[in-house]
Amino acid sequence: VKENTAAAEKKAEPEGEWHEAPKYLPSFELSDFSGRTWRLKDLSGKVVMITSWATWCGPCRLEDQSLEKFYQKEKNRKDLAILTFNVDENPGQVLPFMQKQGYTFPVLAAFSIPEKMRQLVPRTWIIDPSGNWLWVKNGYDESKTYADFEKEMLERIEKAKAGQ
């Protein structure tokens, strides 16, 4: 039964396309690799963009390049928080990977989040300033340029600011 449910979920959530999220994002309290604790409730009033990824995931590696550029351009916005959830079972691999790639976006050790939330990588979530989980996108479209990535993210962020 579990396999059938997972197969049905995959069909309901096409890769590379945005779709409405379940509306409820479970509260989280996760640490980043510098020891800072991040809580969903502390991000109230901001649009939150979360991307889940793993060091072993090829599409994640491609998306992370665009994500780093986007983070550098948008990191000082007061109305936006950009976070990543790393789901590697061995968190000791993450910091060396980040340093080698030159990535500076916030990375939270998230293997402990519910399996349903981490079963697909990469996965991007958009949460509105009230904490409502509005949008989710599974996978990464390798045919898109950075300009496409940036435009798509900014459109979703603006919609989330407007509560859409």
C-alpha atoms as a PDB file:
ATOM      1  CA  VAL A   1       0.000   0.000   0.000  1.00  0.00           C
ATOM      2  CA  LYS A   2       2.839   2.395   0.829  1.00  0.00           C
ATOM      3  CA  GLU A   3       4.350   1.921  -2.649  1.00  0.00           C
ATOM      4  CA  ASN A   4       1.014   2.689  -4.312  1.00  0.00           C
ATOM      5  CA  THR A   5       0.636   5.826  -2.214  1.00  0.00           C
ATOM      6  CA  ALA A   6       4.145   6.961  -3.123  1.00  0.00           C
ATOM      7  CA  ALA A   7       3.491   6.283  -6.810  1.00  0.00           C
ATOM      8  CA  ALA A   8       0.227   8.248  -6.639  1.00  0.00           C
ATOM      9  CA  GLU A   9       2.011  11.153  -4.934  1.00  0.00           C
ATOM     10  CA  LYS A  10       4.687  11.223  -7.631  1.00  0.00           C
ATOM     11  CA  LYS A  11       2.003  11.351 -10.335  1.00  0.00           C
ATOM     12  CA  ALA A  12       0.229  14.152  -8.470  1.00  0.00           C
ATOM     13  CA  GLU A  13       3.465  16.147  -8.169  1.00  0.00           C
ATOM     14  CA  PRO A  14       5.062  16.483 -11.610  1.00  0.00           C
ATOM     15  CA  GLU A  15       8.765  17.274 -11.689  1.00  0.00           C
ATOM     16  CA  GLY A  16       9.907  20.727 -12.691  1.00  0.00           C
ATOM     17  CA  GLU A  17       6.501  22.343 -12.281  1.00  0.00           C
ATOM     18  CA  TRP A  18       5.113  24.385  -9.411  1.00  0.00           C
ATOM     19  CA  HIS A  19       2.012  23.109  -7.690  1.00  0.00           C
ATOM     20  CA  GLU A  20       0.043  24.067  -4.646  1.00  0.00           C
ATOM     21  CA  ALA A  21       1.471  22.819  -1.395  1.00  0.00           C
ATOM     22  CA  PRO A  22      -0.516  21.141   1.377  1.00  0.00           C
ATOM     23  CA  LYS A  23      -0.815  24.583   3.103  1.00  0.00           C
ATOM     24  CA  TYR A  24       0.622  23.325   6.365  1.00  0.00           C
ATOM     25  CA  LEU A  25       4.378  23.245   6.811  1.00  0.00           C
ATOM     26  CA  PRO A  26       5.318  21.464  10.022  1.00  0.00           C
ATOM     27  CA  SER A  27       7.217  23.685  12.422  1.00  0.00           C
ATOM     28  CA  PHE A  28      10.931  23.028  12.430  1.00  0.00           C
ATOM     29  CA  GLU A  29      13.927  23.744  14.602  1.00  0.00           C
ATOM     30  CA  LEU A  30      17.151  22.868  12.806  1.00  0.00           C
ATOM     31  CA  SER A  31      20.781  23.877  13.179  1.00  0.00           C
ATOM     32  CA  ASP A  32      23.017  25.092  10.402  1.00  0.00           C
ATOM     33  CA  PHE A  33      26.649  24.071  10.123  1.00  0.00           C
ATOM     34  CA  SER A  34      27.854  27.102  12.081  1.00  0.00           C
ATOM     35  CA  GLY A  35      25.671  26.151  15.056  1.00  0.00           C
ATOM     36  CA  ARG A  36      22.866  28.685  14.557  1.00  0.00           C
ATOM     37  CA  THR A  37      19.387  27.343  15.268  1.00  0.00           C
ATOM     38  CA  TRP A  38      16.655  28.191  12.755  1.00  0.00           C
ATOM     39  CA  ARG A  39      12.953  27.998  13.614  1.00  0.00           C
ATOM     40  CA  LEU A  40      10.060  28.534  11.202  1.00  0.00           C
ATOM     41  CA  LYS A  41       8.311  30.743  13.770  1.00  0.00           C
ATOM     42  CA  ASP A  42      11.342  33.089  13.860  1.00  0.00           C
ATOM     43  CA  LEU A  43      10.880  33.779  10.135  1.00  0.00           C
ATOM     44  CA  SER A  44       7.347  35.121  10.541  1.00  0.00           C
ATOM     45  CA  GLY A  45       6.734  38.218   8.429  1.00  0.00           C
ATOM     46  CA  LYS A  46       9.078  37.086   5.645  1.00  0.00           C
ATOM     47  CA  VAL A  47       8.582  35.034   2.537  1.00  0.00           C
ATOM     48  CA  VAL A  48      10.640  31.880   3.049  1.00  0.00           C
ATOM     49  CA  MET A  49      12.211  29.956   0.196  1.00  0.00           C
ATOM     50  CA  ILE A  50      13.538  26.524   1.152  1.00  0.00           C
ATOM     51  CA  THR A  51      15.355  24.153  -1.168  1.00  0.00           C
ATOM     52  CA  SER A  52      16.104  20.593  -0.094  1.00  0.00           C
ATOM     53  CA  TRP A  53      19.168  18.925  -1.551  1.00  0.00           C
ATOM     54  CA  ALA A  54      21.882  16.318  -1.031  1.00  0.00           C
ATOM     55  CA  THR A  55      25.563  16.144  -1.948  1.00  0.00           C
ATOM     56  CA  TRP A  56      24.984  12.908  -3.915  1.00  0.00           C
ATOM     57  CA  CYS A  57      22.162  14.370  -6.056  1.00  0.00           C
ATOM     58  CA  GLY A  58      23.211  15.374  -9.592  1.00  0.00           C
ATOM     59  CA  PRO A  59      20.254  17.708 -10.313  1.00  0.00           C
ATOM     60  CA  CYS A  60      20.803  19.299  -6.880  1.00  0.00           C
ATOM     61  CA  ARG A  61      24.378  20.129  -7.802  1.00  0.00           C
ATOM     62  CA  LEU A  62      23.161  21.922 -10.922  1.00  0.00           C
ATOM     63  CA  GLU A  63      20.431  23.795  -9.075  1.00  0.00           C
ATOM     64  CA  ASP A  64      22.803  24.770  -6.255  1.00  0.00           C
ATOM     65  CA  GLN A  65      24.887  26.778  -8.740  1.00  0.00           C
ATOM     66  CA  SER A  66      21.846  28.917  -9.614  1.00  0.00           C
ATOM     67  CA  LEU A  67      20.760  29.001  -5.995  1.00  0.00           C
ATOM     68  CA  GLU A  68      24.124  30.441  -4.915  1.00  0.00           C
ATOM     69  CA  LYS A  69      23.900  33.237  -7.527  1.00  0.00           C
ATOM     70  CA  PHE A  70      20.322  33.959  -6.469  1.00  0.00           C
ATOM     71  CA  TYR A  71      21.270  33.963  -2.785  1.00  0.00           C
ATOM     72  CA  GLN A  72      24.101  36.444  -3.407  1.00  0.00           C
ATOM     73  CA  LYS A  73      21.705  38.819  -5.188  1.00  0.00           C
ATOM     74  CA  GLU A  74      18.812  38.539  -2.720  1.00  0.00           C
ATOM     75  CA  LYS A  75      20.385  37.740   0.682  1.00  0.00           C
ATOM     76  CA  ASN A  76      20.078  41.280   2.072  1.00  0.00           C
ATOM     77  CA  ARG A  77      16.328  41.559   1.522  1.00  0.00           C
ATOM     78  CA  LYS A  78      14.433  42.159   4.771  1.00  0.00           C
ATOM     79  CA  ASP A  79      11.260  40.508   3.396  1.00  0.00           C
ATOM     80  CA  LEU A  80      12.863  37.216   2.317  1.00  0.00           C
ATOM     81  CA  ALA A  81      14.676  34.295   3.937  1.00  0.00           C
ATOM     82  CA  ILE A  82      16.486  31.789   1.724  1.00  0.00           C
ATOM     83  CA  LEU A  83      17.344  28.490   3.412  1.00  0.00           C
ATOM     84  CA  THR A  84      18.382  25.050   2.301  1.00  0.00           C
ATOM     85  CA  PHE A  85      17.662  21.725   3.927  1.00  0.00           C
ATOM     86  CA  ASN A  86      20.438  19.217   3.393  1.00  0.00           C
ATOM     87  CA  VAL A  87      19.170  15.646   3.729  1.00  0.00           C
ATOM     88  CA  ASP A  88      22.463  13.724   3.622  1.00  0.00           C
ATOM     89  CA  GLU A  89      22.574  10.881   6.142  1.00  0.00           C
ATOM     90  CA  ASN A  90      26.206  11.774   6.844  1.00  0.00           C
ATOM     91  CA  PRO A  91      26.289  15.503   7.677  1.00  0.00           C
ATOM     92  CA  GLY A  92      30.095  15.352   7.847  1.00  0.00           C
ATOM     93  CA  GLN A  93      30.174  15.438   4.035  1.00  0.00           C
ATOM     94  CA  VAL A  94      28.233  18.679   3.723  1.00  0.00           C
ATOM     95  CA  LEU A  95      30.630  21.371   4.954  1.00  0.00           C
ATOM     96  CA  PRO A  96      33.596  20.122   2.860  1.00  0.00           C
ATOM     97  CA  PHE A  97      31.271  19.996  -0.169  1.00  0.00           C
ATOM     98  CA  MET A  98      30.040  23.542   0.485  1.00  0.00           C
ATOM     99  CA  GLN A  99      33.582  24.844   0.890  1.00  0.00           C
ATOM    100  CA  LYS A 100      34.804  23.101  -2.264  1.00  0.00           C
ATOM    101  CA  GLN A 101      31.916  24.565  -4.291  1.00  0.00           C
ATOM    102  CA  GLY A 102      32.208  28.024  -2.700  1.00  0.00           C
ATOM    103  CA  TYR A 103      28.571  28.011  -1.562  1.00  0.00           C
ATOM    104  CA  THR A 104      27.500  30.464   1.130  1.00  0.00           C
ATOM    105  CA  PHE A 105      23.724  29.983   1.322  1.00  0.00           C
ATOM    106  CA  PRO A 106      22.414  28.810   4.718  1.00  0.00           C
ATOM    107  CA  VAL A 107      22.412  25.015   5.020  1.00  0.00           C
ATOM    108  CA  LEU A 108      20.409  23.319   7.746  1.00  0.00           C
ATOM    109  CA  ALA A 109      21.086  19.694   8.656  1.00  0.00           C
ATOM    110  CA  ALA A 110      17.642  18.297   7.888  1.00  0.00           C
ATOM    111  CA  PHE A 111      17.902  14.522   7.757  1.00  0.00           C
ATOM    112  CA  SER A 112      15.644  14.541  10.835  1.00  0.00           C
ATOM    113  CA  ILE A 113      12.677  16.166   9.065  1.00  0.00           C
ATOM    114  CA  PRO A 114       9.803  13.813   8.197  1.00  0.00           C
ATOM    115  CA  GLU A 115      10.648  11.438   5.345  1.00  0.00           C
ATOM    116  CA  LYS A 116       7.669  12.648   3.312  1.00  0.00           C
ATOM    117  CA  MET A 117       9.231  16.125   3.215  1.00  0.00           C
ATOM    118  CA  ARG A 118      12.691  14.909   2.205  1.00  0.00           C
ATOM    119  CA  GLN A 119      11.939  12.023  -0.133  1.00  0.00           C
ATOM    120  CA  LEU A 120      12.402  14.096  -3.284  1.00  0.00           C
ATOM    121  CA  VAL A 121      15.462  16.233  -3.961  1.00  0.00           C
ATOM    122  CA  PRO A 122      15.860  18.843  -5.130  1.00  0.00           C
ATOM    123  CA  ARG A 123      12.608  20.308  -3.924  1.00  0.00           C
ATOM    124  CA  THR A 124      11.806  23.996  -3.458  1.00  0.00           C
ATOM    125  CA  TRP A 125       9.153  25.362  -1.137  1.00  0.00           C
ATOM    126  CA  ILE A 126       7.698  28.862  -0.897  1.00  0.00           C
ATOM    127  CA  ILE A 127       6.093  29.957   2.388  1.00  0.00           C
ATOM    128  CA  ASP A 128       4.210  33.241   2.746  1.00  0.00           C
ATOM    129  CA  PRO A 129       4.887  35.808   5.517  1.00  0.00           C
ATOM    130  CA  SER A 130       2.094  34.267   7.636  1.00  0.00           C
ATOM    131  CA  GLY A 131       3.727  30.836   7.560  1.00  0.00           C
ATOM    132  CA  ASN A 132       1.411  29.279   4.963  1.00  0.00           C
ATOM    133  CA  TRP A 133       3.120  26.790   2.664  1.00  0.00           C
ATOM    134  CA  LEU A 134       1.914  27.957  -0.751  1.00  0.00           C
ATOM    135  CA  TRP A 135       4.034  26.335  -3.445  1.00  0.00           C
ATOM    136  CA  VAL A 136       6.276  23.346  -3.983  1.00  0.00           C
ATOM    137  CA  LYS A 137       8.378  22.350  -6.966  1.00  0.00           C
ATOM    138  CA  ASN A 138      10.037  18.967  -7.355  1.00  0.00           C
ATOM    139  CA  GLY A 139      13.177  18.492  -9.376  1.00  0.00           C
ATOM    140  CA  TYR A 140      15.253  20.859 -11.436  1.00  0.00           C
ATOM    141  CA  ASP A 141      14.844  21.640 -15.132  1.00  0.00           C
ATOM    142  CA  GLU A 142      18.380  21.445 -16.519  1.00  0.00           C
ATOM    143  CA  SER A 143      17.337  23.210 -19.731  1.00  0.00           C
ATOM    144  CA  LYS A 144      16.652  26.471 -17.892  1.00  0.00           C
ATOM    145  CA  THR A 145      19.233  29.229 -17.635  1.00  0.00           C
ATOM    146  CA  TYR A 146      20.072  31.169 -14.489  1.00  0.00           C
ATOM    147  CA  ALA A 147      17.918  34.038 -15.814  1.00  0.00           C
ATOM    148  CA  ASP A 148      14.962  31.617 -16.049  1.00  0.00           C
ATOM    149  CA  PHE A 149      15.640  30.379 -12.500  1.00  0.00           C
ATOM    150  CA  GLU A 150      15.842  33.920 -11.110  1.00  0.00           C
ATOM    151  CA  LYS A 151      12.676  35.075 -12.887  1.00  0.00           C
ATOM    152  CA  GLU A 152      10.740  32.031 -11.715  1.00  0.00           C
ATOM    153  CA  MET A 153      11.833  32.410  -8.078  1.00  0.00           C
ATOM    154  CA  LEU A 154      11.148  36.157  -7.989  1.00  0.00           C
ATOM    155  CA  GLU A 155       7.667  35.601  -9.451  1.00  0.00           C
ATOM    156  CA  ARG A 156       6.833  33.005  -6.772  1.00  0.00           C
ATOM    157  CA  ILE A 157       8.266  35.197  -4.019  1.00  0.00           C
ATOM    158  CA  GLU A 158       6.206  38.219  -5.137  1.00  0.00           C
ATOM    159  CA  LYS A 159       3.052  36.069  -5.315  1.00  0.00           C
ATOM    160  CA  ALA A 160       3.756  34.793  -1.805  1.00  0.00           C
ATOM    161  CA  LYS A 161       4.182  38.373  -0.541  1.00  0.00           C
ATOM    162  CA  ALA A 162       0.710  39.065  -1.937  1.00  0.00           C
ATOM    163  CA  GLY A 163      -0.657  35.909  -0.271  1.00  0.00           C
ATOM    164  CA  GLN A 164      -1.246  34.128  -3.585  1.00  0.00           C
END
